Protein backbone atom coordinates (compact mmCIF):
# COMPACT_ATOMS: atom_id res chain seq x y z
CA MET A 1 20.30 0.81 -11.41
CA PRO A 2 19.00 -2.76 -12.73
CA GLY A 3 15.71 -2.66 -13.47
CA VAL A 4 14.97 0.58 -12.61
CA THR A 5 14.53 3.94 -14.96
CA HIS A 6 17.38 5.87 -15.55
CA ASP A 7 15.33 8.99 -17.17
CA ASP A 8 16.99 12.03 -15.11
CA ASP A 9 13.94 13.67 -14.63
CA ALA A 10 12.79 11.90 -12.15
CA PRO A 11 12.14 13.98 -8.82
CA PRO A 12 15.08 14.77 -6.27
CA LEU A 13 14.41 13.50 -3.09
CA ALA A 14 14.96 16.77 -1.55
CA ASP A 15 11.83 18.59 -3.65
CA LEU A 16 9.53 15.53 -2.31
CA MET A 17 10.81 15.96 1.01
CA PRO A 18 11.91 19.84 1.05
CA TRP A 19 12.07 20.44 5.06
CA SER A 20 15.79 19.41 6.17
CA VAL A 21 18.04 19.71 8.96
CA ALA A 22 21.71 19.75 9.57
CA PRO A 23 22.32 16.44 12.00
CA PRO A 24 22.99 17.69 15.67
CA ARG A 25 26.79 18.26 16.31
CA LEU A 26 28.46 17.04 19.07
CA GLY A 27 31.51 18.85 19.46
CA ARG A 28 32.83 15.96 21.82
CA ALA A 29 32.34 12.12 22.07
CA TRP A 30 31.56 10.91 25.50
CA PRO A 31 28.26 12.28 26.19
CA ALA A 32 27.57 9.13 23.72
CA ALA A 33 27.95 5.87 24.09
CA PRO A 34 27.08 2.20 22.95
CA ASP A 35 26.20 1.64 26.61
CA ALA A 36 23.58 4.08 29.02
CA ALA A 37 25.60 3.35 32.54
CA SER A 38 29.19 4.45 30.72
CA LEU A 39 27.46 7.93 30.32
CA LYS A 40 26.10 8.09 33.76
CA ALA A 41 29.43 6.99 35.12
CA ARG A 42 30.96 10.10 32.78
CA TRP A 43 28.47 12.36 33.80
CA GLU A 44 29.61 11.73 37.94
CA ALA A 45 33.29 12.09 37.22
CA LEU A 46 32.24 15.09 35.24
CA VAL A 47 30.59 17.12 37.83
CA LYS A 48 32.92 15.75 41.28
CA ALA A 49 35.33 17.39 39.28
CA GLY A 50 35.94 20.91 40.32
CA GLY A 51 37.60 24.31 38.63
CA PRO A 52 40.50 23.36 35.89
CA ASP A 53 39.83 19.63 36.37
CA ARG A 54 36.32 19.65 34.94
CA GLU A 55 37.00 22.57 31.98
CA ALA A 56 39.43 19.96 30.86
CA LEU A 57 37.18 17.08 31.40
CA PHE A 58 34.42 18.63 29.31
CA GLU A 59 36.47 19.46 26.74
CA PRO A 60 35.58 22.58 25.44
CA THR A 61 34.96 24.23 22.32
CA ARG A 62 33.98 27.52 20.60
CA SER A 63 30.37 26.75 20.55
CA ARG A 64 30.23 25.07 24.43
CA THR A 65 31.74 25.30 27.45
CA PRO A 66 31.44 24.92 30.80
CA HIS A 67 30.47 28.50 31.59
CA THR A 68 28.08 28.66 28.19
CA ALA A 69 24.32 29.42 28.85
CA VAL A 70 21.59 27.59 26.91
CA GLY A 71 18.15 27.06 27.09
CA ARG A 72 16.83 23.61 28.00
CA LEU A 73 15.96 21.24 25.05
CA PRO A 74 12.95 20.80 23.75
CA GLY A 75 11.05 17.92 25.60
CA GLY A 76 12.30 19.08 29.07
CA PHE A 77 15.67 17.16 28.77
CA GLY A 78 18.72 18.03 30.69
CA GLY A 79 19.18 21.58 32.53
CA THR A 80 19.58 25.06 32.30
CA GLY A 81 22.26 26.20 34.50
CA ARG A 82 25.62 26.55 33.92
CA LEU A 83 27.83 23.23 33.69
CA ALA A 84 30.53 24.86 35.98
CA ARG A 85 28.07 24.99 38.89
CA ALA A 86 26.21 21.18 38.16
CA SER A 87 25.18 18.54 40.37
CA GLY A 88 22.75 15.87 40.75
CA PRO A 89 22.21 12.78 38.93
CA CYS A 90 22.84 12.49 35.24
CA PRO A 91 20.15 13.09 32.97
CA GLU A 92 18.22 9.97 31.68
CA PRO A 93 20.46 9.30 28.87
CA VAL A 94 17.89 8.74 25.44
CA ARG A 95 18.01 6.06 22.55
CA VAL A 96 19.81 8.03 19.24
CA LEU A 97 20.84 6.73 16.15
CA ARG A 98 25.27 7.23 16.53
CA ALA A 99 26.28 5.55 13.01
CA PRO A 100 23.96 3.58 10.36
CA PHE A 101 21.88 0.98 12.40
CA ASP A 102 23.80 1.51 15.51
CA GLU A 103 21.50 2.47 18.23
CA GLN A 104 23.51 4.28 21.02
CA TRP A 105 22.46 6.53 23.97
CA LEU A 106 22.90 10.09 24.46
CA ILE A 107 23.22 12.71 27.59
CA PRO A 108 20.05 14.64 26.28
CA ASP A 109 21.31 18.26 27.68
CA HIS A 110 21.87 21.05 25.85
CA ARG A 111 24.98 21.84 27.51
CA LEU A 112 27.18 19.13 26.06
CA ILE A 113 26.25 19.39 22.79
CA ASP A 114 27.44 22.69 19.97
CA ALA A 115 24.82 21.95 17.37
CA ALA A 116 21.29 20.15 19.05
CA ARG A 117 19.12 21.09 16.21
CA PRO A 118 15.93 22.01 18.55
CA GLU A 119 13.27 21.95 15.66
CA LEU A 120 14.33 17.88 15.61
CA TRP A 121 13.68 17.26 19.62
CA ARG A 122 9.78 19.28 18.98
CA VAL A 123 9.36 16.84 16.34
CA THR A 124 10.75 13.93 17.88
CA ASP A 125 7.67 11.57 19.27
CA GLU A 126 6.87 7.65 18.40
CA ARG A 127 4.75 8.75 15.05
CA GLN A 128 7.94 10.38 13.86
CA VAL A 129 10.44 8.70 11.08
CA PHE A 130 13.61 10.39 10.44
CA VAL A 131 15.28 10.28 6.56
CA VAL A 132 18.99 10.37 6.26
CA GLU A 133 20.78 9.28 3.10
CA ALA A 134 23.05 6.69 3.37
CA SER A 135 25.54 8.19 1.19
CA GLY A 136 28.37 5.50 -0.01
CA THR A 137 26.23 2.61 -0.25
CA THR A 138 27.43 0.63 -2.70
CA ALA A 139 25.26 -2.54 -2.45
CA GLY A 140 21.89 -1.18 -3.42
CA PRO A 141 19.24 -0.18 -1.86
CA PRO A 142 17.88 1.03 0.72
CA LEU A 143 19.88 4.35 -0.21
CA LEU A 144 18.31 5.77 2.66
CA LEU A 145 18.38 5.32 6.08
CA ALA A 146 15.01 5.35 8.17
CA THR A 147 14.83 5.48 12.05
CA SER A 148 12.58 6.59 14.32
CA ARG A 149 15.64 7.55 16.53
CA LEU A 150 17.03 11.04 17.06
CA PRO A 151 20.12 10.39 14.02
CA LEU A 152 23.13 12.01 15.36
CA LEU A 153 24.28 10.83 11.49
CA GLY A 154 27.83 13.85 10.32
CA GLY A 155 27.47 14.93 6.74
CA ALA A 156 23.68 14.10 5.28
CA ARG A 157 20.57 16.30 5.99
CA ILE A 158 18.10 14.75 8.45
CA ARG A 159 14.72 14.95 6.45
CA PRO A 160 11.68 14.40 9.01
CA LEU A 161 8.50 12.70 7.57
CA TYR A 162 6.59 14.77 9.66
CA ARG A 163 7.26 18.66 10.58
CA ARG A 164 4.93 18.28 13.57
CA PRO A 165 4.35 15.82 16.75
CA GLY A 166 1.74 13.22 16.53
CA GLY A 167 2.19 12.43 13.24
CA THR A 168 1.01 15.65 11.43
CA GLU A 169 1.72 18.06 8.41
CA PRO A 170 3.92 15.94 6.53
CA ASN A 171 6.94 16.72 5.40
CA LEU A 172 5.73 16.58 1.77
CA ALA A 173 6.00 19.27 -1.41
CA PRO A 174 2.16 20.60 -1.28
CA GLY A 175 0.38 19.14 -3.73
CA LEU A 176 1.88 15.92 -4.07
CA LEU A 177 -0.84 13.41 -2.51
CA ASP A 178 -3.25 15.21 -4.33
CA HIS A 179 -1.34 14.67 -7.53
CA LEU A 180 -0.59 11.14 -6.53
CA ALA A 181 -4.24 10.29 -5.66
CA ALA A 182 -5.44 11.94 -9.38
CA ARG A 183 -2.82 9.68 -10.74
CA LEU A 184 -2.86 6.39 -8.89
CA GLY A 185 -6.57 5.92 -8.04
CA ARG A 186 -6.67 6.93 -4.73
CA ARG A 187 -4.65 9.11 -2.38
CA PRO A 188 -1.78 7.36 -0.36
CA ASP A 189 -0.78 8.36 2.87
CA PRO A 190 2.73 9.79 3.97
CA VAL A 191 4.32 6.42 4.93
CA GLU A 192 3.65 4.86 1.38
CA VAL A 193 5.19 7.40 -0.27
CA LEU A 194 8.14 7.09 2.48
CA ALA A 195 7.87 3.99 1.85
CA TRP A 196 8.24 3.80 -2.25
CA ALA A 197 11.35 6.56 -1.95
CA VAL A 198 12.63 3.64 0.51
CA ALA A 199 12.56 0.51 -1.83
CA THR A 200 13.30 2.76 -5.26
CA VAL A 201 15.70 5.90 -4.25
CA ARG A 202 18.59 6.10 -6.88
CA GLU A 203 21.53 8.01 -6.10
CA GLY A 204 21.17 11.95 -6.30
CA PRO A 205 18.78 11.12 -4.34
CA ARG A 206 16.31 10.80 -6.55
CA VAL A 207 12.37 9.21 -6.14
CA PRO A 208 11.33 7.62 -9.94
CA LEU A 209 7.48 7.75 -8.90
CA THR A 210 4.57 5.34 -10.80
CA ALA A 211 1.53 6.27 -11.87
CA ASP A 212 0.73 2.40 -12.48
CA PRO A 213 -1.08 1.28 -9.42
CA ALA A 214 0.03 -2.33 -9.13
CA LEU A 215 3.41 -1.45 -8.95
CA TRP A 216 3.23 1.23 -6.47
CA GLU A 217 1.62 -1.22 -4.44
CA ARG A 218 4.71 -3.52 -5.10
CA GLY A 219 7.06 -0.98 -4.65
CA VAL A 220 5.43 -0.07 -1.47
CA GLY A 221 5.09 -3.58 0.34
CA LEU A 222 8.76 -3.66 -0.43
CA GLY A 223 9.61 -0.40 0.66
CA ARG A 224 7.38 -0.65 4.09
CA ARG A 225 9.38 -3.54 4.84
CA ALA A 226 12.83 -2.13 5.06
CA LEU A 227 10.80 0.46 6.35
CA TRP A 228 10.09 -1.88 9.36
CA LEU A 229 13.50 -3.44 9.58
CA MET A 230 15.41 -0.11 10.01
CA ARG A 231 13.20 1.22 12.43
CA ARG A 232 12.68 -2.17 14.57
CA ASP A 233 10.37 -0.99 17.05
CA GLY A 234 7.71 -3.78 16.57
CA GLU A 235 8.15 -7.37 17.00
CA ARG A 236 10.88 -8.70 16.59
CA PRO A 237 12.11 -10.12 12.92
CA ARG A 238 13.41 -13.76 12.95
CA LEU A 239 15.29 -15.79 9.62
CA PRO A 240 12.71 -17.96 7.51
CA GLY A 241 12.87 -21.39 7.99
CA GLY A 242 13.61 -21.69 11.82
CA ARG A 243 17.16 -20.24 11.24
CA ARG A 244 18.06 -17.92 14.09
CA PRO A 245 21.62 -16.46 15.37
CA TYR A 246 23.34 -18.01 18.50
CA VAL A 247 26.13 -17.80 20.77
CA ARG A 248 27.78 -21.30 20.12
CA ALA A 249 30.98 -20.10 22.05
CA PRO A 250 30.63 -18.01 24.79
CA LEU A 251 32.32 -14.41 23.70
CA PRO A 252 34.91 -13.13 26.18
CA ALA A 253 34.65 -10.05 28.21
CA ARG A 254 36.88 -7.80 26.15
CA PRO A 255 36.98 -8.65 22.61
CA VAL A 256 39.68 -7.24 20.43
CA THR A 257 38.96 -8.68 17.05
CA VAL A 258 36.08 -9.62 14.56
CA ARG A 259 36.49 -11.83 11.77
CA TYR A 260 33.54 -13.44 9.75
CA ASP A 261 33.81 -17.51 8.24
CA ARG A 262 32.20 -17.52 5.06
CA ASP A 263 31.81 -21.55 5.14
CA GLU A 264 30.81 -21.48 8.74
CA GLU A 265 28.34 -18.32 8.60
CA ALA A 266 30.30 -18.15 11.80
CA LEU A 267 31.34 -14.95 13.10
CA TYR A 268 34.06 -14.48 15.16
CA LEU A 269 34.52 -12.43 18.49
CA ASP A 270 38.27 -13.51 19.33
CA GLU A 271 37.33 -16.91 20.50
CA GLY A 272 33.76 -16.61 20.79
CA ARG A 273 31.38 -17.78 17.75
CA VAL A 274 28.10 -16.74 16.45
CA SER A 275 26.27 -18.89 13.80
CA PRO A 276 24.43 -18.83 11.31
CA VAL A 277 25.27 -15.37 10.20
CA PRO A 278 24.09 -15.77 6.33
CA PRO A 279 26.86 -13.95 3.98
CA GLY A 280 24.36 -10.63 3.25
CA ALA A 281 24.11 -9.50 7.04
CA TRP A 282 27.67 -9.90 6.97
CA ASP A 283 28.51 -8.17 3.16
CA PHE A 284 25.97 -5.49 4.13
CA GLU A 285 27.31 -1.94 3.81
CA ALA A 286 26.40 1.72 4.97
CA GLY A 287 28.57 4.98 4.02
CA GLY A 288 31.27 2.73 2.71
CA ALA A 289 31.52 0.15 5.44
CA ARG A 290 30.94 -2.79 6.03
CA VAL A 291 27.78 -2.45 9.48
CA LEU A 292 28.99 -5.22 11.75
CA GLU A 293 32.59 -4.29 11.36
CA GLN A 294 31.70 -0.46 12.33
CA TRP A 295 29.23 -1.47 15.19
CA PHE A 296 31.63 -3.83 16.98
CA ALA A 297 34.87 -1.50 16.43
CA ALA A 298 32.54 1.08 17.94
CA ARG A 299 31.77 -0.94 21.77
CA THR A 300 35.70 -2.08 21.61
CA ALA A 301 37.33 1.44 21.06
CA GLU A 302 38.85 2.86 23.99
CA GLY A 303 38.65 6.71 24.74
CA GLU A 304 42.27 8.15 25.65
CA PRO A 305 43.30 7.49 29.28
CA GLY A 306 42.10 10.36 31.52
CA THR A 307 39.19 11.45 29.52
CA LEU A 308 35.66 10.22 29.88
CA ALA A 309 35.63 8.81 27.09
CA ALA A 310 37.55 6.81 28.68
CA ILE A 311 34.88 5.80 30.87
CA ARG A 312 33.16 2.03 29.59
CA PRO A 313 32.00 -0.54 30.52
CA ALA A 314 34.94 -3.31 32.29
CA THR A 315 33.31 -6.42 30.24
CA TRP A 316 31.35 -6.99 27.66
CA PRO A 317 27.74 -6.53 28.37
CA GLN A 318 25.16 -8.92 27.57
CA THR A 319 22.99 -6.42 26.05
CA TRP A 320 25.50 -6.36 23.32
CA THR A 321 25.31 -9.42 22.39
CA SER A 322 21.60 -9.31 22.30
CA GLU A 323 21.68 -6.41 20.37
CA LEU A 324 24.60 -7.51 18.02
CA LEU A 325 21.77 -10.98 17.36
CA GLU A 326 18.88 -8.80 16.54
CA LEU A 327 21.50 -6.60 13.96
CA ILE A 328 22.53 -9.61 12.60
CA THR A 329 19.27 -10.99 11.63
CA VAL A 330 18.03 -7.23 10.72
CA LEU A 331 20.84 -6.91 7.97
CA ALA A 332 20.54 -10.64 6.88
CA LEU A 333 16.64 -9.60 5.65
CA LEU A 334 17.57 -6.08 4.49
CA ALA A 335 19.85 -8.12 2.54
CA GLU A 336 16.60 -10.42 1.22
CA VAL A 337 14.87 -7.04 0.29
CA ARG A 338 17.86 -5.33 -1.71
CA PRO A 339 17.13 -7.73 -5.06
CA ARG A 340 14.15 -7.47 -5.38
CA CYS A 341 13.55 -3.37 -4.72
CA LEU A 342 16.32 -3.64 -7.92
CA GLU A 343 13.71 -5.72 -9.95
CA LEU A 344 11.18 -2.79 -9.88
CA ALA A 345 10.88 -1.25 -13.23
CA VAL A 346 9.25 1.91 -12.74
CA THR A 347 6.81 2.27 -15.84
CA GLU A 348 4.15 5.63 -16.30
CA GLU A 349 6.87 7.44 -14.86
CA ILE A 350 5.44 10.71 -13.01
CA THR A 351 8.32 13.24 -13.47
CA ALA A 352 9.67 16.16 -12.25
CA THR A 353 8.94 17.90 -15.52
CA GLU A 354 4.89 16.58 -14.95
CA LEU A 355 4.95 17.66 -11.27
CA ARG A 356 6.10 21.51 -12.08
CA GLU A 357 3.64 21.23 -14.96
CA ALA A 358 1.22 20.87 -11.90
CA GLY A 359 2.51 23.25 -9.88
CA VAL A 360 3.39 20.70 -6.98
CA LEU A 361 6.80 21.67 -7.57
CA PRO A 362 9.13 23.28 -6.58
CA ALA A 363 7.57 23.42 -3.41
CA PRO A 364 7.17 26.47 -1.51
CA PRO A 365 10.04 28.33 0.60
CA LYS A 366 7.40 28.43 3.91
CA ALA A 367 7.73 24.49 2.49
CA ARG A 368 11.36 24.50 3.38
CA ARG A 369 11.40 25.86 6.59
CA PRO A 370 10.91 24.59 9.95
CA ALA A 371 6.81 24.39 11.18
CA SER A 372 5.92 26.78 14.14
CA VAL A 373 5.68 24.07 16.87
CA LEU A 374 3.26 26.19 19.98
CA ASP A 375 2.69 23.06 22.16
CA GLY A 376 4.59 24.27 25.10
CA ARG A 377 6.55 27.01 27.24
CA GLU A 378 10.19 25.64 26.52
CA GLU A 379 13.17 26.67 29.71
CA GLY A 380 15.92 29.51 28.36
CA PRO A 381 18.97 30.07 29.92
CA GLU A 382 18.74 29.89 33.77
CA GLY A 383 15.41 28.85 33.89
CA GLN A 384 14.00 31.66 32.37
CA LEU A 385 10.63 30.71 30.01
CA THR A 386 10.72 30.88 26.52
CA LEU A 387 8.12 31.13 23.80
CA LEU A 388 8.37 29.49 20.68
């Protein structure tokens, strides 16, 4: 990667953020969707069906059937009675990251999810940042995805920034912050370490650390910019110079194709047109696929007739248009951050060998396990209470 040191002694991300969790596994596609209304309609169709029809609609697996007894998700989401007897309204859908840069909705019910990873739900709150390696990205940083939403991306492991709710106990190798403080002349906070990692991470993934305070500040600034764009949890981003993507020609009720005109800087959904769309937004890839194409495909895919996944909006919702315009802006701005990250030449490197000699690495085994979260009782199968 141009500008960034290629010394193989840069510490692995897995050593710097030792606790990781496998991604949740749904086991069936229908409990997640780009819109919440479809999920409520799917739930209603499920609970109206009875006996064998309900079981077929549910799509049972070895891990989950309508008769499986499971506890409630941490946070009080979903029910605990067997789904075969379930009735009533749908649990209120929650926002999740379904694919890179694609925020969708999920029915938060443990009975619908083969492997929910409760340890992730226990630490999900407004302070948390989940980090996922964006494997297959070819166009440069960020090679890490950061999100405030629970990630449902397959493959790469999830590394929460904090091991407990409320932004407490950072998921960093014990002693790392103290070592950085001694080398940089001031103690960075956990978000700064993550921002630096986002700006400088390279394949491996490895994170070249620096003891140069000026370089550290520059890298952290770029990483914070990328984090803000990826998390989208504050003021809406805007393109510089007053440019802003608009719908120039109305989008059809159910578009089926998407294409890009580079000369016009226009995105076409059938005959509908959105512009300006900078080339950097269209070319932005994650996981080996164009983000905008993947986002559009998720909203136009038709489920198999007779399945719950086939229940989807009859027409293109206005909220999707708003989300598309914001996503274009986010990707365009991230594309501008990329070359600036590539220009960071890491000097005065803090190597993995140095961290091992200082006793920071390897992290102790307990740092690789989830913390005990005892803030509340959780409801077990059939309403029984469980203690963590």
